[in-house]
Amino acid sequence: MQFSKIFFFLIGPFALIILVMISSPWQAGDGLRAYQGKIDLRGIQDPDFGMTKLNGEWEFSWLQGPEKGIENHSVEFIGVPGSWTNESKSNQTYPKFGYGIYRLKVFLPEIWKKKILSVSLGAIASAYRIKINEQIIGECGTPGIDPDSIVSRIEPRVFFIFCGRR
């Protein structure tokens, strides 16, 4: 009898925590996933919804250098989270160093207009610059085309944006 009480009080709280984590709205269980470079969040009408992951198929373009635009490059879809070094184009893998553009078009509900939103990026083992509507909202490290020009920084970052009209 004593053993079952101890077992219940030790295992019970852990089981409750796991149950809460599984049913929380910020888990990937919201069923939303990016597909062919787009994700539609307009079905979320609760302004206090919380977090949603932007995982799925993002547009990806490999660039030869920072001065080259995305317009003249082929666009593929690549799994996020992930790395371009894990992907291949015509049975050739992308090089470890260089420039790539990940792009995702996000459709937001009207109720989110004029709110402050955040983009949270985990510890990405690289250097990056993040833009929203072509404006740089943040960066981590210094992107480059070869090992000597890259300054990698591995740190989680959160960027805040005001959700205006666009």
N, C-alpha and C. Protein backbone atom coordinates (compact mmCIF):
# COMPACT_ATOMS: atom_id res chain seq x y z
N MET A 1 0.82 -1.19 0.00
CA MET A 1 0.00 0.00 0.00
C MET A 1 0.87 1.26 0.00
N GLN A 2 1.88 1.28 0.85
CA GLN A 2 2.77 2.44 0.95
C GLN A 2 3.49 2.67 -0.38
N PHE A 3 3.93 1.59 -1.03
CA PHE A 3 4.64 1.70 -2.31
C PHE A 3 3.75 2.33 -3.38
N SER A 4 2.49 1.97 -3.44
CA SER A 4 1.59 2.50 -4.48
C SER A 4 1.35 4.00 -4.28
N LYS A 5 1.29 4.47 -3.03
CA LYS A 5 1.12 5.90 -2.78
C LYS A 5 2.36 6.67 -3.24
N ILE A 6 3.53 6.15 -2.91
CA ILE A 6 4.77 6.80 -3.32
C ILE A 6 4.85 6.83 -4.85
N PHE A 7 4.54 5.70 -5.47
CA PHE A 7 4.56 5.61 -6.92
C PHE A 7 3.60 6.63 -7.54
N PHE A 8 2.39 6.74 -7.00
CA PHE A 8 1.39 7.68 -7.52
C PHE A 8 1.87 9.13 -7.40
N PHE A 9 2.44 9.48 -6.26
CA PHE A 9 2.88 10.86 -6.05
C PHE A 9 4.15 11.20 -6.84
N LEU A 10 4.94 10.21 -7.18
CA LEU A 10 6.12 10.47 -8.00
C LEU A 10 5.80 10.50 -9.49
N ILE A 11 5.01 9.57 -9.96
CA ILE A 11 4.70 9.46 -11.38
C ILE A 11 3.54 10.37 -11.78
N GLY A 12 2.60 10.58 -10.91
CA GLY A 12 1.41 11.40 -11.22
C GLY A 12 1.73 12.78 -11.77
N PRO A 13 2.59 13.56 -11.09
CA PRO A 13 2.90 14.90 -11.62
C PRO A 13 3.56 14.86 -13.00
N PHE A 14 4.44 13.89 -13.24
CA PHE A 14 5.08 13.79 -14.55
C PHE A 14 4.06 13.45 -15.64
N ALA A 15 3.13 12.56 -15.32
CA ALA A 15 2.09 12.21 -16.29
C ALA A 15 1.22 13.43 -16.60
N LEU A 16 0.92 14.23 -15.59
CA LEU A 16 0.11 15.44 -15.80
C LEU A 16 0.85 16.45 -16.67
N ILE A 17 2.13 16.63 -16.41
CA ILE A 17 2.93 17.56 -17.22
C ILE A 17 2.96 17.11 -18.68
N ILE A 18 3.16 15.84 -18.92
CA ILE A 18 3.19 15.32 -20.29
C ILE A 18 1.83 15.51 -20.96
N LEU A 19 0.75 15.26 -20.25
CA LEU A 19 -0.59 15.45 -20.80
C LEU A 19 -0.83 16.91 -21.18
N VAL A 20 -0.42 17.84 -20.34
CA VAL A 20 -0.59 19.26 -20.63
C VAL A 20 0.25 19.66 -21.84
N MET A 21 1.48 19.15 -21.93
CA MET A 21 2.34 19.49 -23.06
C MET A 21 1.75 18.97 -24.37
N ILE A 22 1.19 17.79 -24.36
CA ILE A 22 0.62 17.22 -25.58
C ILE A 22 -0.59 18.01 -26.05
N SER A 23 -1.39 18.51 -25.12
CA SER A 23 -2.62 19.20 -25.50
C SER A 23 -2.47 20.71 -25.66
N SER A 24 -1.28 21.26 -25.43
CA SER A 24 -1.08 22.70 -25.54
C SER A 24 -1.16 23.17 -26.98
N PRO A 25 -1.73 24.38 -27.23
CA PRO A 25 -1.87 24.87 -28.60
C PRO A 25 -0.55 25.22 -29.26
N TRP A 26 0.52 25.44 -28.50
CA TRP A 26 1.78 25.82 -29.12
C TRP A 26 2.54 24.63 -29.68
N GLN A 27 2.01 23.45 -29.49
CA GLN A 27 2.65 22.28 -30.08
C GLN A 27 2.31 22.20 -31.56
N ALA A 28 3.03 21.40 -32.29
CA ALA A 28 2.83 21.27 -33.73
C ALA A 28 1.49 20.64 -34.06
N GLY A 29 0.74 20.23 -33.09
CA GLY A 29 -0.55 19.61 -33.31
C GLY A 29 -1.61 20.54 -33.85
N ASP A 30 -1.28 21.81 -34.12
CA ASP A 30 -2.27 22.72 -34.68
C ASP A 30 -2.59 22.37 -36.12
N GLY A 31 -1.84 21.44 -36.71
CA GLY A 31 -2.13 20.97 -38.06
C GLY A 31 -1.67 21.91 -39.16
N LEU A 32 -1.04 23.02 -38.83
CA LEU A 32 -0.60 23.97 -39.83
C LEU A 32 0.79 23.60 -40.32
N ARG A 33 0.96 23.67 -41.63
CA ARG A 33 2.24 23.33 -42.23
C ARG A 33 2.42 24.11 -43.51
N ALA A 34 3.63 24.59 -43.73
CA ALA A 34 3.93 25.30 -44.97
C ALA A 34 3.92 24.31 -46.12
N TYR A 35 3.35 24.74 -47.24
CA TYR A 35 3.30 23.90 -48.43
C TYR A 35 3.65 24.76 -49.64
N GLN A 36 4.66 24.34 -50.38
CA GLN A 36 5.14 25.05 -51.57
C GLN A 36 5.36 26.54 -51.31
N GLY A 37 6.01 26.84 -50.21
CA GLY A 37 6.41 28.21 -49.91
C GLY A 37 5.33 29.10 -49.32
N LYS A 38 4.22 28.52 -48.88
CA LYS A 38 3.13 29.33 -48.32
C LYS A 38 2.56 28.64 -47.09
N ILE A 39 2.09 29.47 -46.14
CA ILE A 39 1.35 28.95 -44.99
C ILE A 39 0.21 29.91 -44.70
N ASP A 40 -0.96 29.36 -44.50
CA ASP A 40 -2.16 30.17 -44.30
C ASP A 40 -2.59 30.08 -42.83
N LEU A 41 -2.44 31.20 -42.12
CA LEU A 41 -2.81 31.26 -40.71
C LEU A 41 -4.15 31.96 -40.51
N ARG A 42 -4.87 32.26 -41.60
CA ARG A 42 -6.12 33.02 -41.48
C ARG A 42 -7.21 32.27 -40.74
N GLY A 43 -7.07 30.98 -40.59
CA GLY A 43 -8.06 30.21 -39.83
C GLY A 43 -7.95 30.40 -38.33
N ILE A 44 -6.87 31.02 -37.87
CA ILE A 44 -6.68 31.26 -36.44
C ILE A 44 -7.32 32.60 -36.10
N GLN A 45 -8.46 32.58 -35.47
CA GLN A 45 -9.19 33.81 -35.18
C GLN A 45 -9.00 34.30 -33.75
N ASP A 46 -8.34 33.52 -32.92
CA ASP A 46 -8.09 33.92 -31.54
C ASP A 46 -6.79 34.73 -31.48
N PRO A 47 -6.87 36.04 -31.14
CA PRO A 47 -5.65 36.85 -31.12
C PRO A 47 -4.66 36.41 -30.04
N ASP A 48 -5.09 35.63 -29.09
CA ASP A 48 -4.22 35.14 -28.03
C ASP A 48 -3.84 33.68 -28.25
N PHE A 49 -3.83 33.25 -29.50
CA PHE A 49 -3.59 31.85 -29.86
C PHE A 49 -2.28 31.32 -29.31
N GLY A 50 -1.27 32.13 -29.32
CA GLY A 50 0.04 31.66 -28.86
C GLY A 50 0.96 31.46 -30.03
N MET A 51 1.82 30.47 -29.94
CA MET A 51 2.81 30.25 -30.99
C MET A 51 2.34 29.21 -31.99
N THR A 52 2.82 29.35 -33.20
CA THR A 52 2.65 28.30 -34.19
C THR A 52 3.97 28.14 -34.94
N LYS A 53 4.27 26.94 -35.28
CA LYS A 53 5.51 26.67 -36.00
C LYS A 53 5.28 26.92 -37.48
N LEU A 54 6.32 27.36 -38.16
CA LEU A 54 6.25 27.62 -39.59
C LEU A 54 6.98 26.53 -40.37
N ASN A 55 6.93 25.32 -39.84
CA ASN A 55 7.61 24.19 -40.46
C ASN A 55 6.94 23.79 -41.77
N GLY A 56 7.72 23.16 -42.63
CA GLY A 56 7.16 22.64 -43.88
C GLY A 56 8.05 22.95 -45.05
N GLU A 57 7.44 23.09 -46.23
CA GLU A 57 8.17 23.36 -47.47
C GLU A 57 8.31 24.86 -47.69
N TRP A 58 9.51 25.35 -47.62
CA TRP A 58 9.81 26.75 -47.90
C TRP A 58 10.42 26.85 -49.28
N GLU A 59 10.26 28.00 -49.93
CA GLU A 59 10.98 28.26 -51.18
C GLU A 59 12.46 28.38 -50.83
N PHE A 60 13.29 27.88 -51.72
CA PHE A 60 14.73 27.98 -51.51
C PHE A 60 15.41 28.28 -52.83
N SER A 61 16.32 29.23 -52.81
CA SER A 61 17.14 29.55 -53.98
C SER A 61 18.60 29.60 -53.55
N TRP A 62 19.44 28.93 -54.31
CA TRP A 62 20.88 28.95 -54.07
C TRP A 62 21.46 30.10 -54.87
N LEU A 63 22.26 30.94 -54.23
CA LEU A 63 22.85 32.11 -54.89
C LEU A 63 24.36 31.96 -54.95
N GLN A 64 24.95 32.59 -55.93
CA GLN A 64 26.41 32.56 -56.06
C GLN A 64 27.07 33.58 -55.14
N GLY A 65 26.36 34.63 -54.77
CA GLY A 65 26.92 35.67 -53.91
C GLY A 65 25.83 36.62 -53.46
N PRO A 66 26.13 37.50 -52.50
CA PRO A 66 25.12 38.37 -51.91
C PRO A 66 24.57 39.41 -52.88
N GLU A 67 25.37 39.78 -53.89
CA GLU A 67 24.92 40.83 -54.81
C GLU A 67 23.94 40.29 -55.84
N LYS A 68 23.85 39.00 -55.97
CA LYS A 68 22.94 38.40 -56.94
C LYS A 68 21.53 38.39 -56.37
N GLY A 69 20.57 38.74 -57.18
CA GLY A 69 19.18 38.73 -56.74
C GLY A 69 18.56 37.35 -56.89
N ILE A 70 17.40 37.17 -56.32
CA ILE A 70 16.71 35.88 -56.39
C ILE A 70 15.96 35.72 -57.71
N GLU A 71 15.75 36.83 -58.43
CA GLU A 71 14.90 36.81 -59.61
C GLU A 71 15.36 35.82 -60.68
N ASN A 72 16.65 35.70 -60.90
CA ASN A 72 17.17 34.87 -61.99
C ASN A 72 17.62 33.48 -61.53
N HIS A 73 17.19 33.06 -60.38
CA HIS A 73 17.62 31.77 -59.87
C HIS A 73 16.44 30.81 -59.80
N SER A 74 16.75 29.54 -59.97
CA SER A 74 15.68 28.56 -59.88
C SER A 74 15.24 28.43 -58.43
N VAL A 75 13.96 28.22 -58.27
CA VAL A 75 13.38 28.09 -56.94
C VAL A 75 12.98 26.64 -56.73
N GLU A 76 13.37 26.12 -55.59
CA GLU A 76 12.97 24.77 -55.20
C GLU A 76 12.23 24.89 -53.88
N PHE A 77 11.76 23.77 -53.39
CA PHE A 77 11.15 23.73 -52.07
C PHE A 77 12.00 22.83 -51.20
N ILE A 78 12.22 23.30 -49.98
CA ILE A 78 13.14 22.62 -49.07
C ILE A 78 12.47 22.52 -47.71
N GLY A 79 12.72 21.41 -47.02
CA GLY A 79 12.10 21.19 -45.72
C GLY A 79 12.72 22.03 -44.63
N VAL A 80 11.86 22.70 -43.86
CA VAL A 80 12.28 23.50 -42.71
C VAL A 80 11.55 22.95 -41.49
N PRO A 81 12.21 22.67 -40.38
CA PRO A 81 13.62 22.91 -40.15
C PRO A 81 14.48 21.93 -40.95
N GLY A 82 15.65 22.39 -41.27
CA GLY A 82 16.57 21.59 -42.05
C GLY A 82 17.70 22.46 -42.57
N SER A 83 18.55 21.87 -43.36
CA SER A 83 19.71 22.58 -43.89
C SER A 83 19.81 22.29 -45.38
N TRP A 84 20.27 23.27 -46.15
CA TRP A 84 20.41 23.03 -47.58
C TRP A 84 21.45 21.97 -47.87
N THR A 85 22.36 21.73 -46.93
CA THR A 85 23.37 20.69 -47.16
C THR A 85 22.77 19.29 -47.12
N ASN A 86 21.55 19.17 -46.59
CA ASN A 86 20.85 17.88 -46.57
C ASN A 86 19.99 17.69 -47.81
N GLU A 87 19.91 18.69 -48.67
CA GLU A 87 19.07 18.64 -49.86
C GLU A 87 19.96 18.48 -51.09
N SER A 88 19.37 18.06 -52.18
CA SER A 88 20.14 17.94 -53.41
C SER A 88 19.31 18.43 -54.59
N LYS A 89 20.01 18.94 -55.59
CA LYS A 89 19.39 19.40 -56.82
C LYS A 89 20.01 18.60 -57.95
N SER A 90 19.22 17.85 -58.66
CA SER A 90 19.71 17.02 -59.76
C SER A 90 20.85 16.11 -59.30
N ASN A 91 20.67 15.48 -58.16
CA ASN A 91 21.63 14.54 -57.58
C ASN A 91 22.96 15.18 -57.20
N GLN A 92 22.99 16.50 -57.07
CA GLN A 92 24.18 17.19 -56.57
C GLN A 92 23.79 17.93 -55.30
N THR A 93 24.62 17.80 -54.28
CA THR A 93 24.30 18.49 -53.04
C THR A 93 24.79 19.93 -53.11
N TYR A 94 24.15 20.77 -52.33
CA TYR A 94 24.57 22.17 -52.25
C TYR A 94 25.85 22.25 -51.41
N PRO A 95 26.73 23.21 -51.71
CA PRO A 95 27.95 23.36 -50.91
C PRO A 95 27.62 23.84 -49.50
N LYS A 96 28.55 23.60 -48.61
CA LYS A 96 28.35 23.99 -47.21
C LYS A 96 28.39 25.50 -47.03
N PHE A 97 29.22 26.19 -47.80
CA PHE A 97 29.35 27.64 -47.67
C PHE A 97 28.75 28.33 -48.88
N GLY A 98 28.17 29.47 -48.65
CA GLY A 98 27.58 30.25 -49.73
C GLY A 98 26.32 30.95 -49.26
N TYR A 99 25.52 31.37 -50.22
CA TYR A 99 24.30 32.11 -49.91
C TYR A 99 23.09 31.33 -50.39
N GLY A 100 22.13 31.25 -49.54
CA GLY A 100 20.85 30.67 -49.93
C GLY A 100 19.75 31.55 -49.37
N ILE A 101 18.65 31.58 -50.07
CA ILE A 101 17.50 32.35 -49.60
C ILE A 101 16.36 31.38 -49.31
N TYR A 102 15.88 31.41 -48.09
CA TYR A 102 14.68 30.69 -47.70
C TYR A 102 13.56 31.73 -47.70
N ARG A 103 12.44 31.40 -48.31
CA ARG A 103 11.34 32.36 -48.38
C ARG A 103 10.03 31.65 -48.07
N LEU A 104 9.20 32.32 -47.27
CA LEU A 104 7.88 31.79 -46.92
C LEU A 104 6.87 32.92 -46.96
N LYS A 105 5.79 32.72 -47.67
CA LYS A 105 4.70 33.70 -47.71
C LYS A 105 3.69 33.28 -46.64
N VAL A 106 3.43 34.19 -45.70
CA VAL A 106 2.55 33.91 -44.56
C VAL A 106 1.29 34.75 -44.70
N PHE A 107 0.15 34.09 -44.70
CA PHE A 107 -1.14 34.78 -44.76
C PHE A 107 -1.68 34.89 -43.34
N LEU A 108 -1.88 36.13 -42.88
CA LEU A 108 -2.30 36.39 -41.50
C LEU A 108 -3.77 36.77 -41.44
N PRO A 109 -4.44 36.43 -40.34
CA PRO A 109 -5.84 36.84 -40.17
C PRO A 109 -5.94 38.35 -39.92
N GLU A 110 -7.04 38.93 -40.31
CA GLU A 110 -7.27 40.37 -40.11
C GLU A 110 -7.16 40.75 -38.64
N ILE A 111 -7.57 39.86 -37.75
CA ILE A 111 -7.57 40.17 -36.32
C ILE A 111 -6.16 40.40 -35.79
N TRP A 112 -5.13 39.94 -36.51
CA TRP A 112 -3.75 40.13 -36.08
C TRP A 112 -3.18 41.45 -36.56
N LYS A 113 -3.90 42.18 -37.41
CA LYS A 113 -3.40 43.45 -37.91
C LYS A 113 -3.23 44.42 -36.74
N LYS A 114 -2.23 45.24 -36.83
CA LYS A 114 -1.89 46.23 -35.80
C LYS A 114 -1.52 45.60 -34.47
N LYS A 115 -0.97 44.42 -34.52
CA LYS A 115 -0.47 43.74 -33.32
C LYS A 115 1.05 43.56 -33.47
N ILE A 116 1.70 43.37 -32.37
CA ILE A 116 3.12 43.07 -32.40
C ILE A 116 3.27 41.56 -32.38
N LEU A 117 3.96 41.05 -33.38
CA LEU A 117 4.22 39.62 -33.50
C LEU A 117 5.71 39.38 -33.31
N SER A 118 6.06 38.14 -33.08
CA SER A 118 7.48 37.82 -32.95
C SER A 118 7.83 36.62 -33.80
N VAL A 119 9.06 36.59 -34.22
CA VAL A 119 9.62 35.45 -34.94
C VAL A 119 10.76 34.93 -34.07
N SER A 120 10.65 33.69 -33.67
CA SER A 120 11.65 33.09 -32.81
C SER A 120 12.46 32.07 -33.62
N LEU A 121 13.75 32.27 -33.66
CA LEU A 121 14.64 31.33 -34.35
C LEU A 121 15.51 30.65 -33.31
N GLY A 122 15.55 29.35 -33.37
CA GLY A 122 16.37 28.60 -32.44
C GLY A 122 17.85 28.83 -32.72
N ALA A 123 18.67 28.03 -32.12
CA ALA A 123 20.11 28.15 -32.30
C ALA A 123 20.51 27.59 -33.65
N ILE A 124 20.57 28.46 -34.65
CA ILE A 124 20.95 28.06 -36.01
C ILE A 124 22.47 28.11 -36.11
N ALA A 125 23.07 27.01 -36.54
CA ALA A 125 24.53 26.93 -36.60
C ALA A 125 25.04 27.56 -37.89
N SER A 126 24.91 28.86 -37.99
CA SER A 126 25.31 29.56 -39.20
C SER A 126 25.22 31.06 -38.94
N ALA A 127 25.23 31.80 -40.00
CA ALA A 127 24.99 33.24 -39.95
C ALA A 127 23.79 33.52 -40.85
N TYR A 128 22.96 34.46 -40.45
CA TYR A 128 21.78 34.74 -41.27
C TYR A 128 21.33 36.18 -41.09
N ARG A 129 20.51 36.59 -42.01
CA ARG A 129 19.84 37.89 -41.97
C ARG A 129 18.37 37.59 -42.25
N ILE A 130 17.47 38.14 -41.45
CA ILE A 130 16.04 37.88 -41.65
C ILE A 130 15.35 39.16 -42.11
N LYS A 131 14.55 39.00 -43.17
CA LYS A 131 13.80 40.12 -43.74
C LYS A 131 12.32 39.80 -43.72
N ILE A 132 11.52 40.82 -43.49
CA ILE A 132 10.08 40.70 -43.64
C ILE A 132 9.65 41.85 -44.53
N ASN A 133 8.95 41.52 -45.61
CA ASN A 133 8.56 42.51 -46.62
C ASN A 133 9.77 43.31 -47.09
N GLU A 134 10.87 42.60 -47.35
CA GLU A 134 12.11 43.18 -47.89
C GLU A 134 12.86 44.10 -46.92
N GLN A 135 12.44 44.19 -45.68
CA GLN A 135 13.15 45.00 -44.69
C GLN A 135 13.86 44.09 -43.70
N ILE A 136 15.13 44.37 -43.46
CA ILE A 136 15.89 43.58 -42.49
C ILE A 136 15.36 43.87 -41.10
N ILE A 137 14.95 42.80 -40.39
CA ILE A 137 14.49 42.99 -39.01
C ILE A 137 15.50 42.46 -38.01
N GLY A 138 16.51 41.74 -38.48
CA GLY A 138 17.53 41.26 -37.56
C GLY A 138 18.53 40.36 -38.26
N GLU A 139 19.58 40.05 -37.55
CA GLU A 139 20.60 39.16 -38.08
C GLU A 139 21.37 38.53 -36.93
N CYS A 140 22.11 37.52 -37.30
CA CYS A 140 22.95 36.83 -36.34
C CYS A 140 24.22 36.43 -37.07
N GLY A 141 25.35 36.89 -36.60
CA GLY A 141 26.60 36.62 -37.29
C GLY A 141 26.72 37.45 -38.55
N THR A 142 27.65 37.04 -39.44
CA THR A 142 27.86 37.72 -40.72
C THR A 142 27.85 36.68 -41.83
N PRO A 143 26.83 36.72 -42.71
CA PRO A 143 26.80 35.77 -43.83
C PRO A 143 27.98 36.01 -44.77
N GLY A 144 28.44 34.95 -45.43
CA GLY A 144 29.54 35.06 -46.38
C GLY A 144 29.53 33.92 -47.38
N ILE A 145 30.38 34.01 -48.40
CA ILE A 145 30.39 32.99 -49.45
C ILE A 145 31.48 31.94 -49.27
N ASP A 146 32.38 32.15 -48.33
CA ASP A 146 33.42 31.16 -48.08
C ASP A 146 33.74 31.16 -46.58
N PRO A 147 34.47 30.14 -46.12
CA PRO A 147 34.73 30.03 -44.68
C PRO A 147 35.41 31.26 -44.08
N ASP A 148 36.23 31.97 -44.86
CA ASP A 148 36.94 33.13 -44.33
C ASP A 148 36.05 34.35 -44.15
N SER A 149 34.97 34.44 -44.90
CA SER A 149 34.12 35.63 -44.83
C SER A 149 32.90 35.45 -43.91
N ILE A 150 32.66 34.24 -43.44
CA ILE A 150 31.51 33.98 -42.58
C ILE A 150 31.91 34.11 -41.12
N VAL A 151 31.09 34.81 -40.37
CA VAL A 151 31.23 34.83 -38.92
C VAL A 151 29.97 34.19 -38.37
N SER A 152 30.09 32.91 -37.99
CA SER A 152 28.93 32.19 -37.48
C SER A 152 28.69 32.54 -36.03
N ARG A 153 27.45 32.54 -35.67
CA ARG A 153 27.07 32.77 -34.29
C ARG A 153 25.91 31.83 -34.00
N ILE A 154 26.02 31.07 -32.98
CA ILE A 154 24.98 30.12 -32.64
C ILE A 154 24.28 30.61 -31.38
N GLU A 155 23.15 31.25 -31.58
CA GLU A 155 22.38 31.72 -30.43
C GLU A 155 20.92 31.87 -30.83
N PRO A 156 20.03 31.47 -29.95
CA PRO A 156 18.61 31.66 -30.25
C PRO A 156 18.28 33.15 -30.25
N ARG A 157 17.41 33.56 -31.15
CA ARG A 157 17.05 34.97 -31.26
C ARG A 157 15.54 35.10 -31.42
N VAL A 158 15.00 36.20 -30.93
CA VAL A 158 13.59 36.54 -31.12
C VAL A 158 13.55 37.93 -31.72
N PHE A 159 12.81 38.08 -32.82
CA PHE A 159 12.66 39.36 -33.50
C PHE A 159 11.20 39.78 -33.43
N PHE A 160 10.96 41.04 -33.10
CA PHE A 160 9.60 41.55 -32.98
C PHE A 160 9.26 42.41 -34.19
N ILE A 161 8.02 42.26 -34.66
CA ILE A 161 7.57 43.04 -35.81
C ILE A 161 6.17 43.57 -35.53
N PHE A 162 5.89 44.73 -36.09
CA PHE A 162 4.54 45.29 -36.01
C PHE A 162 3.80 44.83 -37.24
N CYS A 163 2.68 44.19 -37.05
CA CYS A 163 1.90 43.66 -38.16
C CYS A 163 1.03 44.77 -38.72
N GLY A 164 1.49 45.38 -39.79
CA GLY A 164 0.75 46.48 -40.43
C GLY A 164 -0.21 45.98 -41.47
N ARG A 165 -0.32 46.73 -42.54
CA ARG A 165 -1.28 46.42 -43.59
C ARG A 165 -0.89 45.24 -44.46
N ARG A 166 0.38 45.07 -44.75
CA ARG A 166 0.81 44.06 -45.72
C ARG A 166 0.81 42.68 -45.16
